[in-house]
């Protein structure tokens, strides 16, 4: 019983971590591309 709950919590934690880190990665990519274009074109 406890092992099943631990597995469920572990999988939920992994999914939450992925969902939380994805927007930050997208933002970092956006800001990185924005700074690159700003330096390159302007």
PDB file of N, CA and C in Angstrom:
ATOM      1  N   UNK A   1       0.842  -1.206   0.000  1.00  0.00           N
ATOM      2  CA  UNK A   1       0.000   0.000   0.000  1.00  0.00           C
ATOM      3  C   UNK A   1       0.872   1.249   0.000  1.00  0.00           C
ATOM      4  N   UNK A   2       1.791   1.346   0.978  1.00  0.00           N
ATOM      5  CA  UNK A   2       2.645   2.531   1.056  1.00  0.00           C
ATOM      6  C   UNK A   2       3.521   2.636  -0.191  1.00  0.00           C
ATOM      7  N   UNK A   3       3.985   1.478  -0.679  1.00  0.00           N
ATOM      8  CA  UNK A   3       4.851   1.519  -1.857  1.00  0.00           C
ATOM      9  C   UNK A   3       4.077   2.049  -3.059  1.00  0.00           C
ATOM     10  N   UNK A   4       2.810   1.641  -3.199  1.00  0.00           N
ATOM     11  CA  UNK A   4       1.995   2.123  -4.321  1.00  0.00           C
ATOM     12  C   UNK A   4       1.789   3.630  -4.204  1.00  0.00           C
ATOM     13  N   UNK A   5       1.504   4.099  -2.986  1.00  0.00           N
ATOM     14  CA  UNK A   5       1.311   5.541  -2.786  1.00  0.00           C
ATOM     15  C   UNK A   5       2.598   6.285  -3.103  1.00  0.00           C
ATOM     16  N   UNK A   6       3.743   5.720  -2.683  1.00  0.00           N
ATOM     17  CA  UNK A   6       5.020   6.368  -2.945  1.00  0.00           C
ATOM     18  C   UNK A   6       5.274   6.445  -4.449  1.00  0.00           C
ATOM     19  N   UNK A   7       4.944   5.369  -5.182  1.00  0.00           N
ATOM     20  CA  UNK A   7       5.138   5.381  -6.630  1.00  0.00           C
ATOM     21  C   UNK A   7       4.253   6.440  -7.268  1.00  0.00           C
ATOM     22  N   UNK A   8       3.001   6.536  -6.806  1.00  0.00           N
ATOM     23  CA  UNK A   8       2.082   7.529  -7.365  1.00  0.00           C
ATOM     24  C   UNK A   8       2.613   8.935  -7.101  1.00  0.00           C
ATOM     25  N   UNK A   9       3.049   9.174  -5.860  1.00  0.00           N
ATOM     26  CA  UNK A   9       3.578  10.504  -5.531  1.00  0.00           C
ATOM     27  C   UNK A   9       4.819  10.806  -6.363  1.00  0.00           C
ATOM     28  N   UNK A  10       5.650   9.780  -6.579  1.00  0.00           N
ATOM     29  CA  UNK A  10       6.869   9.990  -7.348  1.00  0.00           C
ATOM     30  C   UNK A  10       6.534  10.369  -8.791  1.00  0.00           C
ATOM     31  N   UNK A  11       5.559   9.668  -9.381  1.00  0.00           N
ATOM     32  CA  UNK A  11       5.188   9.963 -10.766  1.00  0.00           C
ATOM     33  C   UNK A  11       4.544  11.340 -10.848  1.00  0.00           C
ATOM     34  N   UNK A  12       3.702  11.679  -9.868  1.00  0.00           N
ATOM     35  CA  UNK A  12       3.070  13.002  -9.865  1.00  0.00           C
ATOM     36  C   UNK A  12       4.137  14.081  -9.718  1.00  0.00           C
ATOM     37  N   UNK A  13       5.093  13.852  -8.843  1.00  0.00           N
ATOM     38  CA  UNK A  13       6.160  14.831  -8.638  1.00  0.00           C
ATOM     39  C   UNK A  13       6.953  15.041  -9.919  1.00  0.00           C
ATOM     40  N   UNK A  14       7.237  13.955 -10.641  1.00  0.00           N
ATOM     41  CA  UNK A  14       7.973  14.082 -11.890  1.00  0.00           C
ATOM     42  C   UNK A  14       7.180  14.882 -12.914  1.00  0.00           C
ATOM     43  N   UNK A  15       5.872  14.606 -13.018  1.00  0.00           N
ATOM     44  CA  UNK A  15       5.033  15.334 -13.974  1.00  0.00           C
ATOM     45  C   UNK A  15       4.971  16.811 -13.605  1.00  0.00           C
ATOM     46  N   UNK A  16       4.812  17.092 -12.309  1.00  0.00           N
ATOM     47  CA  UNK A  16       4.740  18.492 -11.862  1.00  0.00           C
ATOM     48  C   UNK A  16       6.056  19.203 -12.158  1.00  0.00           C
ATOM     49  N   UNK A  17       7.164  18.528 -11.891  1.00  0.00           N
ATOM     50  CA  UNK A  17       8.465  19.137 -12.142  1.00  0.00           C
ATOM     51  C   UNK A  17       8.620  19.454 -13.626  1.00  0.00           C
ATOM     52  N   UNK A  18       8.176  18.528 -14.492  1.00  0.00           N
ATOM     53  CA  UNK A  18       8.280  18.764 -15.932  1.00  0.00           C
ATOM     54  C   UNK A  18       7.429  19.952 -16.339  1.00  0.00           C
ATOM     55  N   UNK A  19       6.196  19.996 -15.845  1.00  0.00           N
ATOM     56  CA  UNK A  19       5.288  21.090 -16.215  1.00  0.00           C
ATOM     57  C   UNK A  19       5.814  22.426 -15.700  1.00  0.00           C
ATOM     58  N   UNK A  20       6.438  22.404 -14.514  1.00  0.00           N
ATOM     59  CA  UNK A  20       6.928  23.661 -13.922  1.00  0.00           C
ATOM     60  C   UNK A  20       8.173  24.152 -14.661  1.00  0.00           C
ATOM     61  N   UNK A  21       9.046  23.231 -15.056  1.00  0.00           N
ATOM     62  CA  UNK A  21      10.298  23.648 -15.685  1.00  0.00           C
ATOM     63  C   UNK A  21      10.104  24.024 -17.144  1.00  0.00           C
ATOM     64  N   UNK A  22       9.069  23.483 -17.804  1.00  0.00           N
ATOM     65  CA  UNK A  22       8.880  23.776 -19.227  1.00  0.00           C
ATOM     66  C   UNK A  22       8.691  25.263 -19.497  1.00  0.00           C
ATOM     67  N   UNK A  23       7.797  25.967 -18.786  1.00  0.00           N
ATOM     68  CA  UNK A  23       7.636  27.404 -19.046  1.00  0.00           C
ATOM     69  C   UNK A  23       8.938  28.178 -18.831  1.00  0.00           C
ATOM     70  N   UNK A  24       9.721  27.790 -17.816  1.00  0.00           N
ATOM     71  CA  UNK A  24      10.975  28.506 -17.572  1.00  0.00           C
ATOM     72  C   UNK A  24      11.941  28.284 -18.725  1.00  0.00           C
ATOM     73  N   UNK A  25      11.970  27.049 -19.253  1.00  0.00           N
ATOM     74  CA  UNK A  25      12.836  26.789 -20.403  1.00  0.00           C
ATOM     75  C   UNK A  25      12.371  27.602 -21.598  1.00  0.00           C
ATOM     76  N   UNK A  26      11.058  27.673 -21.819  1.00  0.00           N
ATOM     77  CA  UNK A  26      10.525  28.447 -22.944  1.00  0.00           C
ATOM     78  C   UNK A  26      10.861  29.921 -22.771  1.00  0.00           C
ATOM     79  N   UNK A  27      10.716  30.424 -21.541  1.00  0.00           N
ATOM     80  CA  UNK A  27      11.037  31.832 -21.282  1.00  0.00           C
ATOM     81  C   UNK A  27      12.515  32.086 -21.524  1.00  0.00           C
ATOM     82  N   UNK A  28      13.367  31.186 -21.045  1.00  0.00           N
ATOM     83  CA  UNK A  28      14.808  31.356 -21.244  1.00  0.00           C
ATOM     84  C   UNK A  28      15.124  31.369 -22.732  1.00  0.00           C
ATOM     85  N   UNK A  29      14.469  30.487 -23.500  1.00  0.00           N
ATOM     86  CA  UNK A  29      14.713  30.445 -24.938  1.00  0.00           C
ATOM     87  C   UNK A  29      14.220  31.733 -25.590  1.00  0.00           C
ATOM     88  N   UNK A  30      13.051  32.222 -25.130  1.00  0.00           N
ATOM     89  CA  UNK A  30      12.499  33.456 -25.686  1.00  0.00           C
ATOM     90  C   UNK A  30      13.440  34.629 -25.406  1.00  0.00           C
ATOM     91  N   UNK A  31      13.837  34.767 -24.147  1.00  0.00           N
ATOM     92  CA  UNK A  31      14.717  35.882 -23.782  1.00  0.00           C
ATOM     93  C   UNK A  31      16.068  35.747 -24.481  1.00  0.00           C
ATOM     94  N   UNK A  32      16.564  34.529 -24.598  1.00  0.00           N
ATOM     95  CA  UNK A  32      17.833  34.315 -25.283  1.00  0.00           C
ATOM     96  C   UNK A  32      17.714  34.718 -26.749  1.00  0.00           C
ATOM     97  N   UNK A  33      16.629  34.297 -27.412  1.00  0.00           N
ATOM     98  CA  UNK A  33      16.446  34.666 -28.817  1.00  0.00           C
ATOM     99  C   UNK A  33      16.232  36.171 -28.954  1.00  0.00           C
ATOM    100  N   UNK A  34      15.501  36.782 -28.024  1.00  0.00           N
ATOM    101  CA  UNK A  34      15.243  38.228 -28.096  1.00  0.00           C
ATOM    102  C   UNK A  34      16.555  38.987 -27.964  1.00  0.00           C
ATOM    103  N   UNK A  35      17.398  38.587 -27.006  1.00  0.00           N
ATOM    104  CA  UNK A  35      18.671  39.289 -26.811  1.00  0.00           C
ATOM    105  C   UNK A  35      19.561  39.066 -28.026  1.00  0.00           C
ATOM    106  N   UNK A  36      19.504  37.838 -28.607  1.00  0.00           N
ATOM    107  CA  UNK A  36      20.331  37.573 -29.785  1.00  0.00           C
ATOM    108  C   UNK A  36      19.892  38.451 -30.952  1.00  0.00           C
ATOM    109  N   UNK A  37      18.593  38.548 -31.199  1.00  0.00           N
ATOM    110  CA  UNK A  37      18.101  39.353 -32.318  1.00  0.00           C
ATOM    111  C   UNK A  37      18.364  40.817 -32.052  1.00  0.00           C
ATOM    112  N   UNK A  38      18.230  41.253 -30.794  1.00  0.00           N
ATOM    113  CA  UNK A  38      18.460  42.665 -30.453  1.00  0.00           C
ATOM    114  C   UNK A  38      19.911  43.017 -30.758  1.00  0.00           C
ATOM    115  N   UNK A  39      20.829  42.135 -30.373  1.00  0.00           N
ATOM    116  CA  UNK A  39      22.246  42.421 -30.618  1.00  0.00           C
ATOM    117  C   UNK A  39      22.559  42.315 -32.117  1.00  0.00           C
ATOM    118  N   UNK A  40      21.905  41.375 -32.803  1.00  0.00           N
ATOM    119  CA  UNK A  40      22.247  41.145 -34.200  1.00  0.00           C
ATOM    120  C   UNK A  40      21.680  42.205 -35.131  1.00  0.00           C
ATOM    121  N   UNK A  41      20.376  42.513 -35.023  1.00  0.00           N
ATOM    122  CA  UNK A  41      19.740  43.392 -36.000  1.00  0.00           C
ATOM    123  C   UNK A  41      19.812  44.859 -35.577  1.00  0.00           C
ATOM    124  N   UNK A  42      19.586  45.124 -34.299  1.00  0.00           N
ATOM    125  CA  UNK A  42      19.584  46.529 -33.858  1.00  0.00           C
ATOM    126  C   UNK A  42      20.966  46.917 -33.341  1.00  0.00           C
TER     127      UNK A  42
END
